[in-house]
Amino acid sequence: MSILELKNLSLTLNGRKILSNLDMDFLEGHVHAVVGPNGAGKSTLAYTIMGLEGYRNIEGDIIFGGESIKGMGIAERAKRGITLGWQEPARYEGLTVKKFIMASSAEKSIDEVEDALRKVGLNPDDYMNRAVDKTLSGGERKKVELASILAMRPKFVMLDEPDSGIDVSSLEKIFEGIKLLKSYGSTIVLITHSLAVMKQAERAFLMCGGKLVEKGGIDKIKPYFEKECLPCEHKNLPDKGDKNGN
């Protein structure tokens, strides 16, 4: 059963069509990947589903839980359980990690905040009172953001380039977090050009030039990482990972 459907979705920005006639369905409780080269429209798709300012003047429709959310703003979509993990998580001067996670948590308890931090590999004693600012590395902010999403337990979560700025050992914690979200019943969308990240998914969509090129199981999309994707104007190559395909 689909929790979110895109029906003939198009988006034009500054006179240029960025997303073109997309028909996509995301199955409830499943992990999906949206892959493609830089400039394919992957992040734009996430911003459009989230309803960010400047990304709501669409053609077609977005159906969530059987209801059109086309005219809704970001706050209304968030209330319905849609959230987005950014490629470059924001910094919040003066806001502690504890307050940041607490703001999004379902239970509003210190125990839940501490548990979420441990699940992403951060010691609560070391991080609870740290500020979510430039004193945290990009990788640390990525983990703090994931901890806040775990505490939130959203219905539908999009993670934009979840491996960006993350070392190998930390990436395993991110992958564990994805499995936890699935166990909570969340529907997950991984925005990526990495084979290692796509392997965490059950279904995948291949985009290029704002269009949907292919969709199906990850084995169906895997040839993209072997440079067998359809010709297009993009010169970017996929991230093939190491020689073992990780």
C-alpha atoms as a PDB file:
ATOM      1  CA  MET A   1       0.000   0.000   0.000  1.00  0.00           C
ATOM      2  CA  SER A   2       1.408   3.417  -0.998  1.00  0.00           C
ATOM      3  CA  ILE A   3       1.692   6.081   1.700  1.00  0.00           C
ATOM      4  CA  LEU A   4       2.784   8.793  -0.760  1.00  0.00           C
ATOM      5  CA  GLU A   5       2.183   9.087  -4.489  1.00  0.00           C
ATOM      6  CA  LEU A   6       3.401  11.598  -7.047  1.00  0.00           C
ATOM      7  CA  LYS A   7       0.983  12.033  -9.922  1.00  0.00           C
ATOM      8  CA  ASN A   8       2.363  13.670 -13.079  1.00  0.00           C
ATOM      9  CA  LEU A   9       4.417  15.988 -10.855  1.00  0.00           C
ATOM     10  CA  SER A  10       6.300  18.828 -12.524  1.00  0.00           C
ATOM     11  CA  LEU A  11       8.108  21.846 -11.075  1.00  0.00           C
ATOM     12  CA  THR A  12       9.409  24.884 -12.938  1.00  0.00           C
ATOM     13  CA  LEU A  13      11.933  27.229 -11.309  1.00  0.00           C
ATOM     14  CA  ASN A  14      13.142  30.448 -12.916  1.00  0.00           C
ATOM     15  CA  GLY A  15      11.576  29.447 -16.219  1.00  0.00           C
ATOM     16  CA  ARG A  16      13.261  26.033 -16.324  1.00  0.00           C
ATOM     17  CA  LYS A  17      11.464  22.730 -15.748  1.00  0.00           C
ATOM     18  CA  ILE A  18      13.404  21.007 -12.960  1.00  0.00           C
ATOM     19  CA  LEU A  19      11.018  18.079 -12.378  1.00  0.00           C
ATOM     20  CA  SER A  20       9.107  16.658 -15.302  1.00  0.00           C
ATOM     21  CA  ASN A  21       5.942  14.523 -15.206  1.00  0.00           C
ATOM     22  CA  LEU A  22       6.983  12.275 -12.324  1.00  0.00           C
ATOM     23  CA  ASP A  23       4.783   9.322 -11.397  1.00  0.00           C
ATOM     24  CA  MET A  24       6.221   7.627  -8.289  1.00  0.00           C
ATOM     25  CA  ASP A  25       4.763   5.642  -5.399  1.00  0.00           C
ATOM     26  CA  PHE A  26       6.360   5.038  -2.008  1.00  0.00           C
ATOM     27  CA  LEU A  27       5.186   1.938  -0.143  1.00  0.00           C
ATOM     28  CA  GLU A  28       4.290   2.274   3.518  1.00  0.00           C
ATOM     29  CA  GLY A  29       6.979   0.941   5.858  1.00  0.00           C
ATOM     30  CA  HIS A  30       9.525   0.343   3.083  1.00  0.00           C
ATOM     31  CA  VAL A  31      12.971   1.825   2.426  1.00  0.00           C
ATOM     32  CA  HIS A  32      13.320   3.508  -0.969  1.00  0.00           C
ATOM     33  CA  ALA A  33      16.270   5.097  -2.739  1.00  0.00           C
ATOM     34  CA  VAL A  34      16.177   7.920  -5.265  1.00  0.00           C
ATOM     35  CA  VAL A  35      19.415   7.806  -7.227  1.00  0.00           C
ATOM     36  CA  GLY A  36      20.969   9.684 -10.103  1.00  0.00           C
ATOM     37  CA  PRO A  37      23.813  12.089 -10.916  1.00  0.00           C
ATOM     38  CA  ASN A  38      24.217  15.562  -9.464  1.00  0.00           C
ATOM     39  CA  GLY A  39      21.649  17.824 -11.088  1.00  0.00           C
ATOM     40  CA  ALA A  40      19.156  15.008 -11.635  1.00  0.00           C
ATOM     41  CA  GLY A  41      16.551  16.709  -9.435  1.00  0.00           C
ATOM     42  CA  LYS A  42      16.814  14.379  -6.419  1.00  0.00           C
ATOM     43  CA  SER A  43      17.110  17.052  -3.716  1.00  0.00           C
ATOM     44  CA  THR A  44      14.574  19.239  -5.524  1.00  0.00           C
ATOM     45  CA  LEU A  45      12.148  16.330  -5.337  1.00  0.00           C
ATOM     46  CA  ALA A  46      12.674  16.088  -1.566  1.00  0.00           C
ATOM     47  CA  TYR A  47      12.167  19.849  -1.117  1.00  0.00           C
ATOM     48  CA  THR A  48       8.987  19.661  -3.195  1.00  0.00           C
ATOM     49  CA  ILE A  49       7.538  16.784  -1.170  1.00  0.00           C
ATOM     50  CA  MET A  50       8.459  18.632   2.041  1.00  0.00           C
ATOM     51  CA  GLY A  51       6.757  21.777   0.735  1.00  0.00           C
ATOM     52  CA  LEU A  52       9.635  24.211   1.180  1.00  0.00           C
ATOM     53  CA  GLU A  53       9.142  27.849   0.217  1.00  0.00           C
ATOM     54  CA  GLY A  54       9.635  28.226  -3.541  1.00  0.00           C
ATOM     55  CA  TYR A  55       8.939  24.542  -4.229  1.00  0.00           C
ATOM     56  CA  ARG A  56       5.135  24.441  -3.897  1.00  0.00           C
ATOM     57  CA  ASN A  57       4.021  25.880  -7.244  1.00  0.00           C
ATOM     58  CA  ILE A  58       3.722  22.480  -8.874  1.00  0.00           C
ATOM     59  CA  GLU A  59       1.789  20.871 -11.678  1.00  0.00           C
ATOM     60  CA  GLY A  60       0.270  17.475 -10.947  1.00  0.00           C
ATOM     61  CA  ASP A  61      -0.324  16.318  -7.392  1.00  0.00           C
ATOM     62  CA  ILE A  62       1.209  14.848  -4.230  1.00  0.00           C
ATOM     63  CA  ILE A  63      -1.026  12.393  -2.383  1.00  0.00           C
ATOM     64  CA  PHE A  64      -0.139  11.501   1.214  1.00  0.00           C
ATOM     65  CA  GLY A  65      -2.250   9.035   3.137  1.00  0.00           C
ATOM     66  CA  GLY A  66      -4.946   9.275   0.462  1.00  0.00           C
ATOM     67  CA  GLU A  67      -5.154  13.094   0.689  1.00  0.00           C
ATOM     68  CA  SER A  68      -3.727  15.757  -1.606  1.00  0.00           C
ATOM     69  CA  ILE A  69      -1.131  17.911   0.183  1.00  0.00           C
ATOM     70  CA  LYS A  70      -0.476  20.092  -2.857  1.00  0.00           C
ATOM     71  CA  GLY A  71      -1.658  23.311  -1.219  1.00  0.00           C
ATOM     72  CA  MET A  72      -0.148  22.666   2.220  1.00  0.00           C
ATOM     73  CA  GLY A  73       2.866  24.440   3.685  1.00  0.00           C
ATOM     74  CA  ILE A  74       5.821  22.800   5.393  1.00  0.00           C
ATOM     75  CA  ALA A  75       4.295  23.042   8.894  1.00  0.00           C
ATOM     76  CA  GLU A  76       1.098  21.305   7.825  1.00  0.00           C
ATOM     77  CA  ARG A  77       3.036  18.528   6.110  1.00  0.00           C
ATOM     78  CA  ALA A  78       5.265  18.092   9.171  1.00  0.00           C
ATOM     79  CA  LYS A  79       2.173  17.704  11.374  1.00  0.00           C
ATOM     80  CA  ARG A  80       1.087  14.838   9.136  1.00  0.00           C
ATOM     81  CA  GLY A  81       4.387  13.061   9.781  1.00  0.00           C
ATOM     82  CA  ILE A  82       6.596  14.109   6.849  1.00  0.00           C
ATOM     83  CA  THR A  83      10.170  15.179   7.631  1.00  0.00           C
ATOM     84  CA  LEU A  84      13.471  15.816   5.858  1.00  0.00           C
ATOM     85  CA  GLY A  85      17.058  15.158   6.940  1.00  0.00           C
ATOM     86  CA  TRP A  86      19.284  17.689   5.198  1.00  0.00           C
ATOM     87  CA  GLN A  87      22.453  16.945   3.245  1.00  0.00           C
ATOM     88  CA  GLU A  88      24.095  19.753   5.238  1.00  0.00           C
ATOM     89  CA  PRO A  89      22.339  19.897   8.638  1.00  0.00           C
ATOM     90  CA  ALA A  90      21.635  23.382   9.954  1.00  0.00           C
ATOM     91  CA  ARG A  91      23.503  25.010  12.819  1.00  0.00           C
ATOM     92  CA  TYR A  92      21.586  26.583  15.688  1.00  0.00           C
ATOM     93  CA  GLU A  93      23.613  29.051  17.744  1.00  0.00           C
ATOM     94  CA  GLY A  94      22.732  28.808  21.435  1.00  0.00           C
ATOM     95  CA  LEU A  95      20.525  25.699  21.081  1.00  0.00           C
ATOM     96  CA  THR A  96      21.766  22.621  22.901  1.00  0.00           C
ATOM     97  CA  VAL A  97      21.644  19.112  21.497  1.00  0.00           C
ATOM     98  CA  LYS A  98      19.254  18.144  24.309  1.00  0.00           C
ATOM     99  CA  LYS A  99      16.770  20.908  23.459  1.00  0.00           C
ATOM    100  CA  PHE A 100      17.106  20.274  19.714  1.00  0.00           C
ATOM    101  CA  ILE A 101      16.202  16.590  20.027  1.00  0.00           C
ATOM    102  CA  MET A 102      13.582  17.234  22.711  1.00  0.00           C
ATOM    103  CA  ALA A 103      11.767  19.669  20.418  1.00  0.00           C
ATOM    104  CA  SER A 104      11.078  16.929  17.888  1.00  0.00           C
ATOM    105  CA  SER A 105      10.719  13.929  20.189  1.00  0.00           C
ATOM    106  CA  ALA A 106       7.438  12.106  20.526  1.00  0.00           C
ATOM    107  CA  GLU A 107       7.646  11.509  24.284  1.00  0.00           C
ATOM    108  CA  LYS A 108       9.449  14.718  25.375  1.00  0.00           C
ATOM    109  CA  SER A 109      11.577  12.805  27.866  1.00  0.00           C
ATOM    110  CA  ILE A 110      15.268  13.015  28.751  1.00  0.00           C
ATOM    111  CA  ASP A 111      15.501   9.223  28.605  1.00  0.00           C
ATOM    112  CA  GLU A 112      14.302   9.281  24.999  1.00  0.00           C
ATOM    113  CA  VAL A 113      16.877  11.932  24.065  1.00  0.00           C
ATOM    114  CA  GLU A 114      19.692   9.951  25.669  1.00  0.00           C
ATOM    115  CA  ASP A 115      18.520   6.732  24.003  1.00  0.00           C
ATOM    116  CA  ALA A 116      18.403   8.394  20.565  1.00  0.00           C
ATOM    117  CA  LEU A 117      21.947   9.720  20.982  1.00  0.00           C
ATOM    118  CA  ARG A 118      23.273   6.307  21.965  1.00  0.00           C
ATOM    119  CA  LYS A 119      21.602   4.727  18.946  1.00  0.00           C
ATOM    120  CA  VAL A 120      23.584   6.984  16.600  1.00  0.00           C
ATOM    121  CA  GLY A 121      26.848   6.382  18.472  1.00  0.00           C
ATOM    122  CA  LEU A 122      27.027   9.604  20.520  1.00  0.00           C
ATOM    123  CA  ASN A 123      27.619   9.513  24.284  1.00  0.00           C
ATOM    124  CA  PRO A 124      24.858  11.570  25.955  1.00  0.00           C
ATOM    125  CA  ASP A 125      27.252  12.745  28.681  1.00  0.00           C
ATOM    126  CA  ASP A 126      29.458  14.277  26.005  1.00  0.00           C
ATOM    127  CA  TYR A 127      26.765  15.764  23.765  1.00  0.00           C
ATOM    128  CA  MET A 128      23.583  16.656  25.672  1.00  0.00           C
ATOM    129  CA  ASN A 129      24.796  20.137  26.585  1.00  0.00           C
ATOM    130  CA  ARG A 130      26.825  20.819  23.442  1.00  0.00           C
ATOM    131  CA  ALA A 131      25.510  23.548  21.142  1.00  0.00           C
ATOM    132  CA  VAL A 132      24.275  22.602  17.675  1.00  0.00           C
ATOM    133  CA  ASP A 133      26.717  25.012  16.044  1.00  0.00           C
ATOM    134  CA  LYS A 134      30.107  25.137  14.341  1.00  0.00           C
ATOM    135  CA  THR A 135      31.754  23.410  17.305  1.00  0.00           C
ATOM    136  CA  LEU A 136      30.190  20.186  16.019  1.00  0.00           C
ATOM    137  CA  SER A 137      31.656  18.616  12.909  1.00  0.00           C
ATOM    138  CA  GLY A 138      29.463  17.964   9.891  1.00  0.00           C
ATOM    139  CA  GLY A 139      29.409  14.278  10.778  1.00  0.00           C
ATOM    140  CA  GLU A 140      28.408  15.005  14.385  1.00  0.00           C
ATOM    141  CA  ARG A 141      25.575  17.288  13.248  1.00  0.00           C
ATOM    142  CA  LYS A 142      24.450  14.564  10.844  1.00  0.00           C
ATOM    143  CA  LYS A 143      24.228  12.107  13.758  1.00  0.00           C
ATOM    144  CA  VAL A 144      22.438  14.629  15.996  1.00  0.00           C
ATOM    145  CA  GLU A 145      19.910  15.252  13.231  1.00  0.00           C
ATOM    146  CA  LEU A 146      19.338  11.508  12.808  1.00  0.00           C
ATOM    147  CA  ALA A 147      18.914  11.183  16.588  1.00  0.00           C
ATOM    148  CA  SER A 148      16.199  13.862  16.445  1.00  0.00           C
ATOM    149  CA  ILE A 149      14.444  11.962  13.638  1.00  0.00           C
ATOM    150  CA  LEU A 150      14.639   8.692  15.588  1.00  0.00           C
ATOM    151  CA  ALA A 151      13.068  10.434  18.581  1.00  0.00           C
ATOM    152  CA  MET A 152      10.390  11.922  16.301  1.00  0.00           C
ATOM    153  CA  ARG A 153       9.384   8.580  14.722  1.00  0.00           C
ATOM    154  CA  PRO A 154       7.908  10.201  11.595  1.00  0.00           C
ATOM    155  CA  LYS A 155       5.567   8.457   9.183  1.00  0.00           C
ATOM    156  CA  PHE A 156       7.602   9.500   6.142  1.00  0.00           C
ATOM    157  CA  VAL A 157      11.242  10.593   6.269  1.00  0.00           C
ATOM    158  CA  MET A 158      13.572  11.668   3.464  1.00  0.00           C
ATOM    159  CA  LEU A 159      17.335  11.568   4.115  1.00  0.00           C
ATOM    160  CA  ASP A 160      19.276  13.708   1.631  1.00  0.00           C
ATOM    161  CA  GLU A 161      22.744  12.224   0.999  1.00  0.00           C
ATOM    162  CA  PRO A 162      22.895  10.506   4.432  1.00  0.00           C
ATOM    163  CA  ASP A 163      26.552   9.539   3.862  1.00  0.00           C
ATOM    164  CA  SER A 164      27.711  13.113   3.172  1.00  0.00           C
ATOM    165  CA  GLY A 165      30.524  14.150   5.541  1.00  0.00           C
ATOM    166  CA  ILE A 166      30.442  10.778   7.307  1.00  0.00           C
ATOM    167  CA  ASP A 167      33.419   8.451   7.847  1.00  0.00           C
ATOM    168  CA  VAL A 168      33.140   4.700   7.327  1.00  0.00           C
ATOM    169  CA  SER A 169      32.566   3.771  10.987  1.00  0.00           C
ATOM    170  CA  SER A 170      29.961   6.526  11.414  1.00  0.00           C
ATOM    171  CA  LEU A 171      28.209   5.421   8.231  1.00  0.00           C
ATOM    172  CA  GLU A 172      27.418   2.080   9.864  1.00  0.00           C
ATOM    173  CA  LYS A 173      25.613   3.980  12.644  1.00  0.00           C
ATOM    174  CA  ILE A 174      23.611   5.855   9.993  1.00  0.00           C
ATOM    175  CA  PHE A 175      22.656   2.537   8.387  1.00  0.00           C
ATOM    176  CA  GLU A 176      21.638   1.172  11.806  1.00  0.00           C
ATOM    177  CA  GLY A 177      19.483   4.265  12.266  1.00  0.00           C
ATOM    178  CA  ILE A 178      17.766   3.594   8.929  1.00  0.00           C
ATOM    179  CA  LYS A 179      16.967   0.035  10.052  1.00  0.00           C
ATOM    180  CA  LEU A 180      15.587   1.379  13.340  1.00  0.00           C
ATOM    181  CA  LEU A 181      13.319   3.832  11.529  1.00  0.00           C
ATOM    182  CA  LYS A 182      11.998   0.974   9.414  1.00  0.00           C
ATOM    183  CA  SER A 183      11.368  -1.076  12.562  1.00  0.00           C
ATOM    184  CA  TYR A 184       9.322   1.868  13.917  1.00  0.00           C
ATOM    185  CA  GLY A 185       7.119   1.655  10.819  1.00  0.00           C
ATOM    186  CA  SER A 186       8.503   4.755   9.099  1.00  0.00           C
ATOM    187  CA  THR A 187       8.598   4.954   5.313  1.00  0.00           C
ATOM    188  CA  ILE A 188      12.113   6.035   4.310  1.00  0.00           C
ATOM    189  CA  VAL A 189      13.442   7.698   1.170  1.00  0.00           C
ATOM    190  CA  LEU A 190      17.227   7.848   0.702  1.00  0.00           C
ATOM    191  CA  ILE A 191      18.359  10.581  -1.705  1.00  0.00           C
ATOM    192  CA  THR A 192      21.727   9.374  -2.954  1.00  0.00           C
ATOM    193  CA  HIS A 193      24.236   8.748  -5.701  1.00  0.00           C
ATOM    194  CA  SER A 194      26.007   6.074  -3.633  1.00  0.00           C
ATOM    195  CA  LEU A 195      25.704   2.328  -4.239  1.00  0.00           C
ATOM    196  CA  ALA A 196      26.397   1.611  -0.556  1.00  0.00           C
ATOM    197  CA  VAL A 197      23.450   3.773   0.485  1.00  0.00           C
ATOM    198  CA  MET A 198      21.150   2.364  -2.203  1.00  0.00           C
ATOM    199  CA  LYS A 199      21.876  -1.148  -0.875  1.00  0.00           C
ATOM    200  CA  GLN A 200      20.006  -0.199   2.303  1.00  0.00           C
ATOM    201  CA  ALA A 201      16.808   0.163   0.261  1.00  0.00           C
ATOM    202  CA  GLU A 202      14.246  -2.332  -1.016  1.00  0.00           C
ATOM    203  CA  ARG A 203      13.062  -0.267  -4.003  1.00  0.00           C
ATOM    204  CA  ALA A 204      14.775   2.410  -6.037  1.00  0.00           C
ATOM    205  CA  PHE A 205      14.021   5.143  -8.546  1.00  0.00           C
ATOM    206  CA  LEU A 206      16.588   6.377 -11.074  1.00  0.00           C
ATOM    207  CA  MET A 207      16.317  10.030 -12.070  1.00  0.00           C
ATOM    208  CA  CYS A 208      18.153  12.033 -14.703  1.00  0.00           C
ATOM    209  CA  GLY A 209      17.454  15.550 -15.917  1.00  0.00           C
ATOM    210  CA  GLY A 210      14.401  15.835 -13.665  1.00  0.00           C
ATOM    211  CA  LYS A 211      12.775  12.775 -15.224  1.00  0.00           C
ATOM    212  CA  LEU A 212      12.166   9.261 -13.945  1.00  0.00           C
ATOM    213  CA  VAL A 213      14.361   6.910 -15.979  1.00  0.00           C
ATOM    214  CA  GLU A 214      13.700   3.585 -14.230  1.00  0.00           C
ATOM    215  CA  LYS A 215      12.189   2.122 -11.069  1.00  0.00           C
ATOM    216  CA  GLY A 216      12.056  -1.257  -9.367  1.00  0.00           C
ATOM    217  CA  GLY A 217      14.116  -3.440  -7.030  1.00  0.00           C
ATOM    218  CA  ILE A 218      17.675  -2.359  -6.321  1.00  0.00           C
ATOM    219  CA  ASP A 219      19.043  -5.096  -8.595  1.00  0.00           C
ATOM    220  CA  LYS A 220      17.177  -3.460 -11.462  1.00  0.00           C
ATOM    221  CA  ILE A 221      18.789  -0.073 -10.725  1.00  0.00           C
ATOM    222  CA  LYS A 222      22.265  -1.415  -9.861  1.00  0.00           C
ATOM    223  CA  PRO A 223      23.495  -1.301 -13.506  1.00  0.00           C
ATOM    224  CA  TYR A 224      23.452   2.511 -13.223  1.00  0.00           C
ATOM    225  CA  PHE A 225      26.498   2.176 -10.975  1.00  0.00           C
ATOM    226  CA  GLU A 226      28.200   0.119 -13.670  1.00  0.00           C
ATOM    227  CA  LYS A 227      27.930   3.074 -16.094  1.00  0.00           C
ATOM    228  CA  GLU A 228      25.067   1.510 -18.010  1.00  0.00           C
ATOM    229  CA  CYS A 229      22.567   4.318 -17.407  1.00  0.00           C
ATOM    230  CA  LEU A 230      20.770   5.950 -20.299  1.00  0.00           C
ATOM    231  CA  PRO A 231      22.687   8.702 -22.123  1.00  0.00           C
ATOM    232  CA  CYS A 232      21.888  12.217 -20.943  1.00  0.00           C
ATOM    233  CA  GLU A 233      23.492  15.643 -20.791  1.00  0.00           C
ATOM    234  CA  HIS A 234      24.997  15.030 -17.340  1.00  0.00           C
ATOM    235  CA  LYS A 235      28.683  14.095 -17.213  1.00  0.00           C
ATOM    236  CA  ASN A 236      28.627  13.035 -13.551  1.00  0.00           C
ATOM    237  CA  LEU A 237      29.448   9.429 -12.760  1.00  0.00           C
ATOM    238  CA  PRO A 238      27.865   7.494  -9.899  1.00  0.00           C
ATOM    239  CA  ASP A 239      29.807   6.794  -6.728  1.00  0.00           C
ATOM    240  CA  LYS A 240      30.674   3.110  -7.098  1.00  0.00           C
ATOM    241  CA  GLY A 241      32.137   2.781  -3.594  1.00  0.00           C
ATOM    242  CA  ASP A 242      35.138   0.544  -2.996  1.00  0.00           C
ATOM    243  CA  LYS A 243      36.224  -2.388  -5.142  1.00  0.00           C
ATOM    244  CA  ASN A 244      33.862  -4.656  -3.189  1.00  0.00           C
ATOM    245  CA  GLY A 245      30.892  -2.484  -4.088  1.00  0.00           C
ATOM    246  CA  ASN A 246      30.479  -1.125  -0.554  1.00  0.00           C
END
